Amino acid sequence: MNHLRFARPFVAVLACAAMSACSTVNFDTNTTTEAQFDTVFATNNALTPAAVPIFGSATYEGEIQIDTISGTTQSGSIRGGLIMEASFSSTDPITATAGGFAGTVNGQRVTYSGQLSSDDAPGLLPLNQVLTSGFGPTAASTMFVSIGGTLRNDDTGVRNRLQAGFGTAQGSWLQGDFRGSDARVVTGEAQFNINPSGGVSAITGTANDAIVTGQFYGVAN
């Protein structure tokens, strides 16, 4: 069976030490459109759930999409390149880094400086694990990782502090399922707890703390 692969032109540079923060990652802000992201996500998300190996490692590259809101209405979305390093036998099996966020909010092009990292969890309890359930051909693995950081709106200067953690009422995190042949794809949902400073956040539509959601996918290279 051929492995499903997608071109990822938005990932410009990767220079990470093994299982450490990808602090030197640079991402191209020429991200896909929401429609393009949704197509790739849906194709990957339709693959059969799969189990990861007990040992070994993999690098997954893809995108995060954050759905922006204004009040209770979606106002647009932004996307950033995502790189996840998985070490399946580690007690902290996932490192995730994302950056180069850009998109369209209320019909206007927006770009963001800064990046998100699974290492950014000051004073909070992060969650980082891979769990496998079932046996044999029906076995399937899921992953959870807290993620945080600051995204600065390049036009307005508003800083969006994403608080890392895990929970329905707080924290920013990725939760996904491994899929496809040899678990070479991971897709899932995301939550982002954002505290803006310097004005109204274009992501949350408010100057106060707010939670938005999104999706992500990654394909092993």
N, C-alpha and C. Protein backbone atom coordinates (compact mmCIF):
# COMPACT_ATOMS: atom_id res chain seq x y z
N MET A 1 0.84 -1.20 0.00
CA MET A 1 0.00 0.00 0.00
C MET A 1 0.88 1.25 0.00
N ASN A 2 0.56 2.20 -0.85
CA ASN A 2 1.32 3.43 -0.88
C ASN A 2 0.97 4.31 0.29
N HIS A 3 1.96 4.95 0.86
CA HIS A 3 1.71 5.87 1.95
C HIS A 3 1.16 7.18 1.40
N LEU A 4 0.17 7.71 2.12
CA LEU A 4 -0.43 8.97 1.70
C LEU A 4 0.47 10.12 2.12
N ARG A 5 0.85 10.97 1.16
CA ARG A 5 1.74 12.09 1.44
C ARG A 5 1.17 13.35 0.81
N PHE A 6 1.45 14.49 1.40
CA PHE A 6 1.01 15.76 0.85
C PHE A 6 2.18 16.73 0.86
N ALA A 7 2.25 17.56 -0.18
CA ALA A 7 3.27 18.61 -0.20
C ALA A 7 2.98 19.62 0.90
N ARG A 8 4.04 20.10 1.58
CA ARG A 8 3.87 21.04 2.67
C ARG A 8 4.81 22.23 2.49
N PRO A 9 4.52 23.13 1.52
CA PRO A 9 5.46 24.21 1.21
C PRO A 9 5.60 25.23 2.31
N PHE A 10 4.69 25.22 3.31
CA PHE A 10 4.74 26.23 4.35
C PHE A 10 5.81 25.96 5.38
N VAL A 11 6.37 24.74 5.42
CA VAL A 11 7.44 24.44 6.37
C VAL A 11 8.76 24.80 5.72
N ALA A 12 9.39 25.84 6.24
CA ALA A 12 10.59 26.36 5.58
C ALA A 12 11.87 25.74 6.11
N VAL A 13 12.05 25.72 7.42
CA VAL A 13 13.30 25.25 8.01
C VAL A 13 12.99 24.43 9.25
N LEU A 14 13.68 23.32 9.42
CA LEU A 14 13.55 22.52 10.64
C LEU A 14 14.94 22.21 11.15
N ALA A 15 15.19 22.61 12.40
CA ALA A 15 16.49 22.32 13.02
C ALA A 15 16.24 22.03 14.49
N CYS A 16 15.93 20.77 14.83
CA CYS A 16 15.57 20.41 16.20
C CYS A 16 16.53 19.35 16.71
N ALA A 17 16.91 19.49 17.97
CA ALA A 17 17.60 18.40 18.63
C ALA A 17 16.58 17.32 18.94
N ALA A 18 17.03 16.09 19.08
CA ALA A 18 16.12 14.99 19.31
C ALA A 18 15.30 15.22 20.57
N MET A 19 13.96 15.17 20.41
CA MET A 19 13.01 15.28 21.50
C MET A 19 13.24 16.51 22.36
N SER A 20 13.54 17.64 21.74
CA SER A 20 13.68 18.89 22.46
C SER A 20 12.85 19.94 21.76
N ALA A 21 12.73 21.11 22.35
CA ALA A 21 11.94 22.18 21.74
C ALA A 21 12.54 22.58 20.40
N CYS A 22 11.67 22.79 19.42
CA CYS A 22 12.13 23.19 18.09
C CYS A 22 12.24 24.70 18.03
N SER A 23 13.13 25.27 18.80
CA SER A 23 13.17 26.72 18.97
C SER A 23 13.69 27.45 17.74
N THR A 24 14.31 26.74 16.81
CA THR A 24 14.87 27.40 15.64
C THR A 24 14.04 27.17 14.38
N VAL A 25 12.82 26.68 14.54
CA VAL A 25 11.97 26.44 13.39
C VAL A 25 11.50 27.76 12.80
N ASN A 26 11.57 27.88 11.48
CA ASN A 26 11.02 29.03 10.77
C ASN A 26 9.94 28.54 9.82
N PHE A 27 8.80 29.21 9.81
CA PHE A 27 7.70 28.80 8.97
C PHE A 27 7.33 29.90 7.99
N ASP A 28 7.00 29.51 6.77
CA ASP A 28 6.54 30.43 5.75
C ASP A 28 5.09 30.81 6.05
N THR A 29 4.76 32.10 6.00
CA THR A 29 3.39 32.53 6.27
C THR A 29 2.47 32.40 5.06
N ASN A 30 2.97 31.87 3.95
CA ASN A 30 2.11 31.62 2.80
C ASN A 30 1.37 30.30 3.00
N THR A 31 0.42 30.32 3.94
CA THR A 31 -0.29 29.11 4.30
C THR A 31 -1.38 28.81 3.29
N THR A 32 -1.96 27.64 3.42
CA THR A 32 -3.07 27.24 2.58
C THR A 32 -4.31 28.05 2.92
N THR A 33 -5.32 27.93 2.08
CA THR A 33 -6.62 28.52 2.40
C THR A 33 -7.38 27.57 3.31
N GLU A 34 -8.47 28.07 3.89
CA GLU A 34 -9.30 27.22 4.74
C GLU A 34 -9.86 26.04 3.95
N ALA A 35 -10.29 26.28 2.72
CA ALA A 35 -10.84 25.20 1.90
C ALA A 35 -9.79 24.14 1.60
N GLN A 36 -8.56 24.57 1.31
CA GLN A 36 -7.49 23.61 1.04
C GLN A 36 -7.17 22.79 2.29
N PHE A 37 -7.08 23.47 3.44
CA PHE A 37 -6.84 22.76 4.68
C PHE A 37 -7.93 21.74 4.93
N ASP A 38 -9.19 22.15 4.80
CA ASP A 38 -10.32 21.26 5.09
C ASP A 38 -10.29 20.02 4.21
N THR A 39 -9.88 20.18 2.95
CA THR A 39 -9.81 19.03 2.04
C THR A 39 -8.74 18.04 2.48
N VAL A 40 -7.55 18.56 2.79
CA VAL A 40 -6.47 17.68 3.22
C VAL A 40 -6.81 17.02 4.56
N PHE A 41 -7.37 17.80 5.48
CA PHE A 41 -7.75 17.25 6.78
C PHE A 41 -8.77 16.13 6.62
N ALA A 42 -9.81 16.35 5.82
CA ALA A 42 -10.86 15.36 5.64
C ALA A 42 -10.33 14.07 5.02
N THR A 43 -9.41 14.21 4.05
CA THR A 43 -8.84 13.03 3.41
C THR A 43 -8.04 12.21 4.41
N ASN A 44 -7.22 12.88 5.20
CA ASN A 44 -6.44 12.18 6.22
C ASN A 44 -7.33 11.61 7.32
N ASN A 45 -8.34 12.37 7.72
CA ASN A 45 -9.19 11.97 8.84
C ASN A 45 -10.06 10.76 8.49
N ALA A 46 -10.23 10.47 7.19
CA ALA A 46 -11.04 9.34 6.76
C ALA A 46 -10.27 8.02 6.78
N LEU A 47 -8.95 8.08 7.00
CA LEU A 47 -8.15 6.87 7.04
C LEU A 47 -8.47 6.05 8.30
N THR A 48 -8.24 4.75 8.22
CA THR A 48 -8.54 3.84 9.32
C THR A 48 -7.63 4.10 10.51
N PRO A 49 -8.18 4.15 11.73
CA PRO A 49 -7.34 4.30 12.93
C PRO A 49 -6.28 3.20 13.01
N ALA A 50 -5.11 3.54 13.53
CA ALA A 50 -4.00 2.60 13.57
C ALA A 50 -3.25 2.74 14.89
N ALA A 51 -2.47 1.72 15.22
CA ALA A 51 -1.65 1.73 16.43
C ALA A 51 -0.21 2.08 16.09
N VAL A 52 0.42 2.85 16.96
CA VAL A 52 1.84 3.18 16.78
C VAL A 52 2.68 2.04 17.34
N PRO A 53 3.94 1.93 16.94
CA PRO A 53 4.82 0.90 17.50
C PRO A 53 5.14 1.18 18.96
N ILE A 54 5.57 0.15 19.67
CA ILE A 54 5.95 0.31 21.08
C ILE A 54 7.23 1.12 21.19
N PHE A 55 8.15 0.91 20.24
CA PHE A 55 9.41 1.63 20.23
C PHE A 55 9.54 2.40 18.91
N GLY A 56 10.59 3.19 18.80
CA GLY A 56 10.84 3.91 17.58
C GLY A 56 10.37 5.35 17.64
N SER A 57 10.53 6.06 16.53
CA SER A 57 10.20 7.47 16.49
C SER A 57 9.72 7.85 15.10
N ALA A 58 9.10 9.02 15.00
CA ALA A 58 8.63 9.52 13.71
C ALA A 58 8.49 11.04 13.78
N THR A 59 8.61 11.69 12.64
CA THR A 59 8.38 13.12 12.53
C THR A 59 7.15 13.35 11.66
N TYR A 60 6.17 14.07 12.22
CA TYR A 60 4.94 14.37 11.50
C TYR A 60 4.92 15.86 11.14
N GLU A 61 4.66 16.16 9.88
CA GLU A 61 4.58 17.54 9.42
C GLU A 61 3.19 17.80 8.86
N GLY A 62 2.64 18.98 9.17
CA GLY A 62 1.31 19.31 8.69
C GLY A 62 0.95 20.73 9.04
N GLU A 63 -0.29 20.94 9.47
CA GLU A 63 -0.79 22.27 9.77
C GLU A 63 -1.75 22.24 10.95
N ILE A 64 -1.82 23.37 11.64
CA ILE A 64 -2.88 23.65 12.60
C ILE A 64 -3.78 24.73 12.01
N GLN A 65 -5.08 24.55 12.13
CA GLN A 65 -6.01 25.60 11.76
C GLN A 65 -6.76 26.05 13.02
N ILE A 66 -6.78 27.37 13.26
CA ILE A 66 -7.50 27.95 14.39
C ILE A 66 -8.71 28.69 13.84
N ASP A 67 -9.90 28.32 14.29
CA ASP A 67 -11.13 28.98 13.87
C ASP A 67 -11.32 30.24 14.69
N THR A 68 -11.30 31.40 14.04
CA THR A 68 -11.46 32.67 14.74
C THR A 68 -12.94 32.99 14.91
N ILE A 69 -13.26 33.77 15.96
CA ILE A 69 -14.66 34.06 16.25
C ILE A 69 -14.87 35.55 16.50
N SER A 70 -16.10 35.98 16.32
CA SER A 70 -16.55 37.31 16.68
C SER A 70 -17.90 37.13 17.37
N GLY A 71 -17.92 37.28 18.69
CA GLY A 71 -19.11 36.93 19.45
C GLY A 71 -19.29 35.42 19.44
N THR A 72 -20.39 34.96 18.88
CA THR A 72 -20.63 33.52 18.76
C THR A 72 -20.53 33.04 17.33
N THR A 73 -20.05 33.90 16.43
CA THR A 73 -20.00 33.60 15.00
C THR A 73 -18.57 33.44 14.53
N GLN A 74 -18.31 32.43 13.70
CA GLN A 74 -16.97 32.28 13.15
C GLN A 74 -16.68 33.43 12.20
N SER A 75 -15.52 34.08 12.41
CA SER A 75 -15.14 35.24 11.61
C SER A 75 -14.10 34.92 10.56
N GLY A 76 -13.57 33.71 10.58
CA GLY A 76 -12.53 33.31 9.64
C GLY A 76 -11.67 32.22 10.24
N SER A 77 -10.43 32.17 9.83
CA SER A 77 -9.51 31.16 10.36
C SER A 77 -8.08 31.54 10.00
N ILE A 78 -7.16 31.02 10.81
CA ILE A 78 -5.74 31.18 10.52
C ILE A 78 -5.08 29.81 10.58
N ARG A 79 -3.98 29.65 9.83
CA ARG A 79 -3.28 28.38 9.79
C ARG A 79 -1.78 28.59 9.98
N GLY A 80 -1.15 27.59 10.58
CA GLY A 80 0.30 27.63 10.75
C GLY A 80 0.89 26.26 10.51
N GLY A 81 2.15 26.23 10.10
CA GLY A 81 2.85 24.97 9.92
C GLY A 81 3.07 24.26 11.25
N LEU A 82 2.96 22.96 11.25
CA LEU A 82 3.09 22.14 12.46
C LEU A 82 4.13 21.05 12.25
N ILE A 83 5.01 20.89 13.23
CA ILE A 83 5.95 19.77 13.25
C ILE A 83 5.84 19.08 14.60
N MET A 84 5.63 17.78 14.58
CA MET A 84 5.57 16.98 15.81
C MET A 84 6.61 15.87 15.73
N GLU A 85 7.44 15.81 16.76
CA GLU A 85 8.40 14.71 16.90
C GLU A 85 7.82 13.71 17.90
N ALA A 86 7.71 12.45 17.48
CA ALA A 86 7.15 11.41 18.34
C ALA A 86 8.21 10.38 18.68
N SER A 87 8.40 10.13 19.97
CA SER A 87 9.28 9.07 20.45
C SER A 87 8.41 8.13 21.27
N PHE A 88 7.98 7.03 20.67
CA PHE A 88 6.88 6.25 21.20
C PHE A 88 7.15 5.56 22.54
N SER A 89 8.39 5.34 22.89
CA SER A 89 8.69 4.70 24.17
C SER A 89 9.03 5.70 25.27
N SER A 90 9.01 6.99 24.97
CA SER A 90 9.38 8.02 25.93
C SER A 90 8.23 8.30 26.90
N THR A 91 8.57 8.76 28.10
CA THR A 91 7.54 9.17 29.05
C THR A 91 6.90 10.50 28.64
N ASP A 92 7.58 11.29 27.82
CA ASP A 92 7.02 12.50 27.20
C ASP A 92 7.15 12.32 25.69
N PRO A 93 6.22 11.58 25.08
CA PRO A 93 6.45 11.08 23.72
C PRO A 93 6.29 12.10 22.59
N ILE A 94 5.69 13.27 22.85
CA ILE A 94 5.39 14.19 21.76
C ILE A 94 6.02 15.56 22.03
N THR A 95 6.75 16.09 21.05
CA THR A 95 7.07 17.51 21.05
C THR A 95 6.39 18.13 19.84
N ALA A 96 5.78 19.28 20.04
CA ALA A 96 5.06 19.93 18.95
C ALA A 96 5.47 21.39 18.86
N THR A 97 5.68 21.87 17.65
CA THR A 97 6.00 23.27 17.40
C THR A 97 5.21 23.73 16.18
N ALA A 98 4.64 24.94 16.27
CA ALA A 98 3.86 25.48 15.16
C ALA A 98 4.16 26.96 15.01
N GLY A 99 4.13 27.46 13.79
CA GLY A 99 4.40 28.88 13.55
C GLY A 99 4.02 29.28 12.15
N GLY A 100 4.29 30.55 11.81
CA GLY A 100 3.94 31.06 10.51
C GLY A 100 2.44 31.22 10.31
N PHE A 101 1.73 31.58 11.38
CA PHE A 101 0.27 31.65 11.29
C PHE A 101 -0.19 32.83 10.44
N ALA A 102 -1.14 32.55 9.58
CA ALA A 102 -1.74 33.56 8.71
C ALA A 102 -3.07 33.05 8.23
N GLY A 103 -3.91 33.96 7.76
CA GLY A 103 -5.21 33.55 7.25
C GLY A 103 -6.07 34.74 6.93
N THR A 104 -7.39 34.54 7.01
CA THR A 104 -8.35 35.59 6.70
C THR A 104 -9.35 35.70 7.84
N VAL A 105 -9.50 36.92 8.38
CA VAL A 105 -10.45 37.19 9.45
C VAL A 105 -11.32 38.37 9.01
N ASN A 106 -12.63 38.17 9.03
CA ASN A 106 -13.57 39.20 8.59
C ASN A 106 -13.21 39.74 7.20
N GLY A 107 -12.77 38.82 6.35
CA GLY A 107 -12.46 39.18 4.97
C GLY A 107 -11.11 39.84 4.76
N GLN A 108 -10.32 40.00 5.82
CA GLN A 108 -9.03 40.67 5.74
C GLN A 108 -7.89 39.68 5.98
N ARG A 109 -6.82 39.81 5.21
CA ARG A 109 -5.63 39.00 5.39
C ARG A 109 -4.95 39.38 6.70
N VAL A 110 -4.60 38.39 7.52
CA VAL A 110 -3.89 38.64 8.78
C VAL A 110 -2.69 37.71 8.87
N THR A 111 -1.61 38.19 9.48
CA THR A 111 -0.42 37.37 9.72
C THR A 111 0.00 37.54 11.17
N TYR A 112 0.69 36.53 11.68
CA TYR A 112 1.10 36.53 13.08
C TYR A 112 2.55 36.13 13.22
N SER A 113 3.28 36.86 14.06
CA SER A 113 4.64 36.49 14.42
C SER A 113 4.59 35.63 15.68
N GLY A 114 5.65 34.85 15.89
CA GLY A 114 5.71 34.00 17.08
C GLY A 114 5.37 32.57 16.76
N GLN A 115 5.56 31.70 17.73
CA GLN A 115 5.26 30.30 17.52
C GLN A 115 4.75 29.65 18.79
N LEU A 116 4.18 28.46 18.64
CA LEU A 116 3.65 27.68 19.74
C LEU A 116 4.54 26.47 19.96
N SER A 117 4.63 26.03 21.23
CA SER A 117 5.50 24.92 21.55
C SER A 117 4.92 24.10 22.70
N SER A 118 5.15 22.80 22.65
CA SER A 118 4.74 21.92 23.74
C SER A 118 5.59 22.14 24.99
N ASP A 119 6.73 22.82 24.86
CA ASP A 119 7.57 23.12 26.01
C ASP A 119 7.11 24.35 26.77
N ASP A 120 6.11 25.06 26.25
CA ASP A 120 5.67 26.31 26.86
C ASP A 120 4.48 26.04 27.77
N ALA A 121 4.73 25.75 29.04
CA ALA A 121 3.67 25.45 29.99
C ALA A 121 4.04 25.94 31.38
N PRO A 122 4.34 27.24 31.55
CA PRO A 122 4.78 27.73 32.86
C PRO A 122 3.66 27.71 33.89
N GLY A 123 3.93 27.09 35.02
CA GLY A 123 2.99 27.10 36.14
C GLY A 123 1.74 26.30 35.92
N LEU A 124 1.68 25.49 34.87
CA LEU A 124 0.50 24.70 34.58
C LEU A 124 0.88 23.24 34.45
N LEU A 125 -0.11 22.38 34.53
CA LEU A 125 0.12 20.95 34.39
C LEU A 125 -0.09 20.55 32.94
N PRO A 126 0.96 20.35 32.18
CA PRO A 126 0.78 19.94 30.79
C PRO A 126 0.48 18.45 30.70
N LEU A 127 -0.12 18.06 29.61
CA LEU A 127 -0.38 16.65 29.36
C LEU A 127 0.36 16.26 28.09
N ASN A 128 1.07 15.14 28.15
CA ASN A 128 1.86 14.68 27.02
C ASN A 128 1.87 13.16 27.06
N GLN A 129 1.08 12.53 26.18
CA GLN A 129 1.03 11.06 26.21
C GLN A 129 0.51 10.50 24.90
N VAL A 130 0.88 9.22 24.67
CA VAL A 130 0.33 8.42 23.59
C VAL A 130 -0.27 7.17 24.23
N LEU A 131 -1.53 6.89 23.93
CA LEU A 131 -2.24 5.75 24.50
C LEU A 131 -2.70 4.82 23.39
N THR A 132 -2.57 3.52 23.60
CA THR A 132 -3.02 2.53 22.63
C THR A 132 -4.08 1.63 23.28
N SER A 133 -5.18 1.43 22.58
CA SER A 133 -6.25 0.55 23.06
C SER A 133 -6.52 -0.52 22.03
N GLY A 134 -7.05 -1.66 22.48
CA GLY A 134 -7.37 -2.76 21.58
C GLY A 134 -6.16 -3.63 21.29
N PHE A 135 -6.38 -4.67 20.49
CA PHE A 135 -5.31 -5.62 20.18
C PHE A 135 -5.35 -5.98 18.70
N GLY A 136 -4.19 -6.39 18.19
CA GLY A 136 -4.11 -6.86 16.82
C GLY A 136 -4.54 -5.82 15.82
N PRO A 137 -5.27 -6.23 14.78
CA PRO A 137 -5.63 -5.31 13.70
C PRO A 137 -6.60 -4.21 14.13
N THR A 138 -7.25 -4.37 15.29
CA THR A 138 -8.19 -3.34 15.74
C THR A 138 -7.56 -2.36 16.73
N ALA A 139 -6.28 -2.54 17.03
CA ALA A 139 -5.61 -1.63 17.96
C ALA A 139 -5.51 -0.24 17.36
N ALA A 140 -5.64 0.77 18.22
CA ALA A 140 -5.57 2.16 17.76
C ALA A 140 -4.90 3.02 18.82
N SER A 141 -4.19 4.05 18.39
CA SER A 141 -3.46 4.92 19.30
C SER A 141 -3.96 6.36 19.20
N THR A 142 -3.97 7.03 20.34
CA THR A 142 -4.32 8.45 20.40
C THR A 142 -3.17 9.21 21.04
N MET A 143 -3.12 10.52 20.80
CA MET A 143 -2.08 11.34 21.39
C MET A 143 -2.70 12.60 21.99
N PHE A 144 -2.04 13.10 23.04
CA PHE A 144 -2.44 14.33 23.71
C PHE A 144 -1.18 15.14 23.99
N VAL A 145 -1.22 16.41 23.70
CA VAL A 145 -0.07 17.26 24.04
C VAL A 145 -0.54 18.68 24.31
N SER A 146 -0.08 19.24 25.42
CA SER A 146 -0.34 20.64 25.73
C SER A 146 0.59 21.52 24.89
N ILE A 147 0.12 22.71 24.54
CA ILE A 147 0.91 23.60 23.70
C ILE A 147 0.62 25.04 24.09
N GLY A 148 1.62 25.90 24.01
CA GLY A 148 1.41 27.29 24.39
C GLY A 148 2.39 28.20 23.66
N GLY A 149 2.24 29.51 23.90
CA GLY A 149 3.11 30.48 23.26
C GLY A 149 2.36 31.78 23.03
N THR A 150 3.00 32.70 22.31
CA THR A 150 2.40 34.00 22.02
C THR A 150 2.43 34.26 20.52
N LEU A 151 1.27 34.59 19.98
CA LEU A 151 1.15 34.98 18.58
C LEU A 151 0.81 36.47 18.53
N ARG A 152 1.65 37.25 17.85
CA ARG A 152 1.47 38.70 17.76
C ARG A 152 0.91 39.08 16.40
N ASN A 153 -0.23 39.75 16.41
CA ASN A 153 -0.84 40.24 15.17
C ASN A 153 0.09 41.28 14.54
N ASP A 154 0.58 41.00 13.34
CA ASP A 154 1.56 41.89 12.72
C ASP A 154 0.98 43.26 12.38
N ASP A 155 -0.30 43.36 12.15
CA ASP A 155 -0.92 44.63 11.78
C ASP A 155 -1.26 45.49 13.00
N THR A 156 -1.84 44.89 14.03
CA THR A 156 -2.32 45.66 15.18
C THR A 156 -1.38 45.63 16.37
N GLY A 157 -0.46 44.67 16.41
CA GLY A 157 0.43 44.52 17.55
C GLY A 157 -0.18 43.80 18.73
N VAL A 158 -1.46 43.41 18.65
CA VAL A 158 -2.10 42.70 19.75
C VAL A 158 -1.41 41.36 19.95
N ARG A 159 -1.07 41.07 21.22
CA ARG A 159 -0.41 39.82 21.56
C ARG A 159 -1.43 38.82 22.09
N ASN A 160 -1.41 37.64 21.53
CA ASN A 160 -2.34 36.57 21.92
C ASN A 160 -1.56 35.49 22.66
N ARG A 161 -1.68 35.50 23.98
CA ARG A 161 -0.97 34.53 24.80
C ARG A 161 -1.80 33.26 24.93
N LEU A 162 -1.31 32.17 24.37
CA LEU A 162 -1.99 30.89 24.48
C LEU A 162 -1.48 30.16 25.70
N GLN A 163 -2.38 29.95 26.66
CA GLN A 163 -2.02 29.31 27.91
C GLN A 163 -2.01 27.79 27.73
N ALA A 164 -0.83 27.19 27.92
CA ALA A 164 -0.71 25.74 27.77
C ALA A 164 -1.40 25.05 28.94
N GLY A 165 -1.91 23.86 28.68
CA GLY A 165 -2.57 23.08 29.71
C GLY A 165 -3.50 22.09 29.07
N PHE A 166 -4.37 21.46 29.88
CA PHE A 166 -5.30 20.50 29.31
C PHE A 166 -6.57 20.49 30.13
N GLY A 167 -7.69 20.70 29.48
CA GLY A 167 -8.99 20.69 30.14
C GLY A 167 -10.01 21.41 29.29
N THR A 168 -11.29 21.10 29.50
CA THR A 168 -12.33 21.71 28.66
C THR A 168 -12.52 23.18 28.98
N ALA A 169 -12.18 23.62 30.19
CA ALA A 169 -12.41 25.00 30.58
C ALA A 169 -11.13 25.83 30.58
N GLN A 170 -10.01 25.21 30.32
CA GLN A 170 -8.76 25.96 30.32
C GLN A 170 -7.72 25.20 29.51
N GLY A 171 -6.66 25.89 29.17
CA GLY A 171 -5.54 25.22 28.50
C GLY A 171 -5.66 25.17 26.99
N SER A 172 -4.49 25.05 26.36
CA SER A 172 -4.38 24.91 24.91
C SER A 172 -3.75 23.57 24.62
N TRP A 173 -4.34 22.80 23.71
CA TRP A 173 -3.87 21.43 23.52
C TRP A 173 -4.26 20.88 22.15
N LEU A 174 -3.56 19.81 21.78
CA LEU A 174 -3.87 19.02 20.59
C LEU A 174 -4.23 17.62 21.03
N GLN A 175 -5.28 17.07 20.48
CA GLN A 175 -5.72 15.71 20.79
C GLN A 175 -6.05 15.01 19.48
N GLY A 176 -5.31 13.92 19.18
CA GLY A 176 -5.49 13.33 17.86
C GLY A 176 -5.42 11.82 17.85
N ASP A 177 -5.77 11.25 16.70
CA ASP A 177 -5.75 9.81 16.46
C ASP A 177 -4.76 9.51 15.35
N PHE A 178 -3.99 8.44 15.53
CA PHE A 178 -3.09 7.97 14.49
C PHE A 178 -3.89 7.14 13.48
N ARG A 179 -3.56 7.29 12.21
CA ARG A 179 -4.35 6.66 11.15
C ARG A 179 -3.45 6.20 10.01
N GLY A 180 -4.03 5.33 9.18
CA GLY A 180 -3.37 4.93 7.95
C GLY A 180 -2.32 3.86 8.14
N SER A 181 -1.73 3.43 7.04
CA SER A 181 -0.70 2.40 7.05
C SER A 181 0.47 2.80 7.93
N ASP A 182 0.84 1.94 8.88
CA ASP A 182 1.97 2.18 9.78
C ASP A 182 1.79 3.45 10.62
N ALA A 183 0.53 3.86 10.83
CA ALA A 183 0.24 5.05 11.65
C ALA A 183 1.00 6.27 11.13
N ARG A 184 1.01 6.43 9.81
CA ARG A 184 1.80 7.50 9.21
C ARG A 184 1.07 8.82 9.13
N VAL A 185 -0.15 8.87 9.67
CA VAL A 185 -0.93 10.10 9.70
C VAL A 185 -1.49 10.29 11.09
N VAL A 186 -1.59 11.52 11.54
CA VAL A 186 -2.30 11.84 12.79
C VAL A 186 -3.20 13.03 12.51
N THR A 187 -4.45 12.93 12.94
CA THR A 187 -5.41 14.02 12.77
C THR A 187 -6.14 14.24 14.09
N GLY A 188 -6.62 15.45 14.31
CA GLY A 188 -7.33 15.67 15.55
C GLY A 188 -7.88 17.06 15.73
N GLU A 189 -8.39 17.27 16.93
CA GLU A 189 -9.00 18.54 17.31
C GLU A 189 -8.05 19.31 18.23
N ALA A 190 -8.28 20.60 18.33
CA ALA A 190 -7.43 21.45 19.15
C ALA A 190 -8.27 22.46 19.91
N GLN A 191 -7.77 22.88 21.05
CA GLN A 191 -8.38 23.97 21.82
C GLN A 191 -7.30 24.98 22.16
N PHE A 192 -7.68 26.27 22.15
CA PHE A 192 -6.72 27.33 22.43
C PHE A 192 -7.34 28.31 23.42
N ASN A 193 -6.73 28.42 24.59
CA ASN A 193 -7.16 29.37 25.63
C ASN A 193 -6.29 30.61 25.48
N ILE A 194 -6.89 31.72 25.01
CA ILE A 194 -6.12 32.89 24.61
C ILE A 194 -6.38 34.06 25.54
N ASN A 195 -5.27 34.66 26.01
CA ASN A 195 -5.32 35.88 26.81
C ASN A 195 -4.68 37.00 26.00
N PRO A 196 -5.47 37.94 25.46
CA PRO A 196 -4.90 39.00 24.63
C PRO A 196 -4.36 40.16 25.46
N SER A 197 -3.43 40.90 24.90
CA SER A 197 -2.93 42.13 25.51
C SER A 197 -2.68 43.14 24.42
N GLY A 198 -2.96 44.42 24.72
CA GLY A 198 -2.73 45.48 23.76
C GLY A 198 -3.91 45.78 22.88
N GLY A 199 -5.09 45.21 23.19
CA GLY A 199 -6.27 45.49 22.39
C GLY A 199 -7.13 44.26 22.19
N VAL A 200 -8.02 44.34 21.22
CA VAL A 200 -8.94 43.24 20.93
C VAL A 200 -8.25 42.21 20.03
N SER A 201 -8.35 40.96 20.41
CA SER A 201 -7.77 39.88 19.62
C SER A 201 -8.63 39.61 18.39
N ALA A 202 -7.99 39.56 17.22
CA ALA A 202 -8.71 39.18 16.00
C ALA A 202 -9.07 37.70 16.02
N ILE A 203 -8.38 36.92 16.86
CA ILE A 203 -8.65 35.49 16.93
C ILE A 203 -9.92 35.22 17.74
N THR A 204 -10.06 35.91 18.87
CA THR A 204 -11.19 35.65 19.77
C THR A 204 -12.29 36.70 19.68
N GLY A 205 -11.99 37.85 19.07
CA GLY A 205 -12.97 38.91 18.97
C GLY A 205 -13.22 39.65 20.27
N THR A 206 -12.31 39.53 21.24
CA THR A 206 -12.48 40.17 22.54
C THR A 206 -11.13 40.55 23.12
N ALA A 207 -11.15 41.47 24.09
CA ALA A 207 -9.93 41.84 24.80
C ALA A 207 -9.77 41.03 26.08
N ASN A 208 -10.67 40.08 26.33
CA ASN A 208 -10.64 39.25 27.52
C ASN A 208 -10.25 37.82 27.16
N ASP A 209 -9.98 37.02 28.20
CA ASP A 209 -9.69 35.62 27.98
C ASP A 209 -10.84 34.95 27.22
N ALA A 210 -10.49 34.08 26.29
CA ALA A 210 -11.52 33.35 25.55
C ALA A 210 -10.93 32.07 24.99
N ILE A 211 -11.79 31.12 24.71
CA ILE A 211 -11.37 29.83 24.17
C ILE A 211 -11.89 29.69 22.74
N VAL A 212 -11.01 29.28 21.84
CA VAL A 212 -11.39 28.96 20.48
C VAL A 212 -10.92 27.54 20.18
N THR A 213 -11.42 26.98 19.09
CA THR A 213 -11.10 25.60 18.74
C THR A 213 -10.47 25.54 17.36
N GLY A 214 -10.05 24.37 16.98
CA GLY A 214 -9.45 24.19 15.67
C GLY A 214 -9.18 22.73 15.38
N GLN A 215 -8.38 22.49 14.34
CA GLN A 215 -8.06 21.14 13.91
C GLN A 215 -6.59 21.10 13.50
N PHE A 216 -6.05 19.89 13.39
CA PHE A 216 -4.68 19.74 12.92
C PHE A 216 -4.50 18.41 12.24
N TYR A 217 -3.46 18.32 11.42
CA TYR A 217 -3.08 17.04 10.84
C TYR A 217 -1.56 17.02 10.68
N GLY A 218 -1.01 15.84 10.64
CA GLY A 218 0.41 15.67 10.38
C GLY A 218 0.63 14.38 9.61
N VAL A 219 1.60 14.37 8.70
CA VAL A 219 1.94 13.21 7.90
C VAL A 219 3.40 12.88 8.14
N ALA A 220 3.71 11.64 8.43
CA ALA A 220 5.09 11.23 8.70
C ALA A 220 5.92 11.35 7.43
N ASN A 221 7.14 11.89 7.61
CA ASN A 221 8.01 12.03 6.45
C ASN A 221 9.05 10.92 6.39
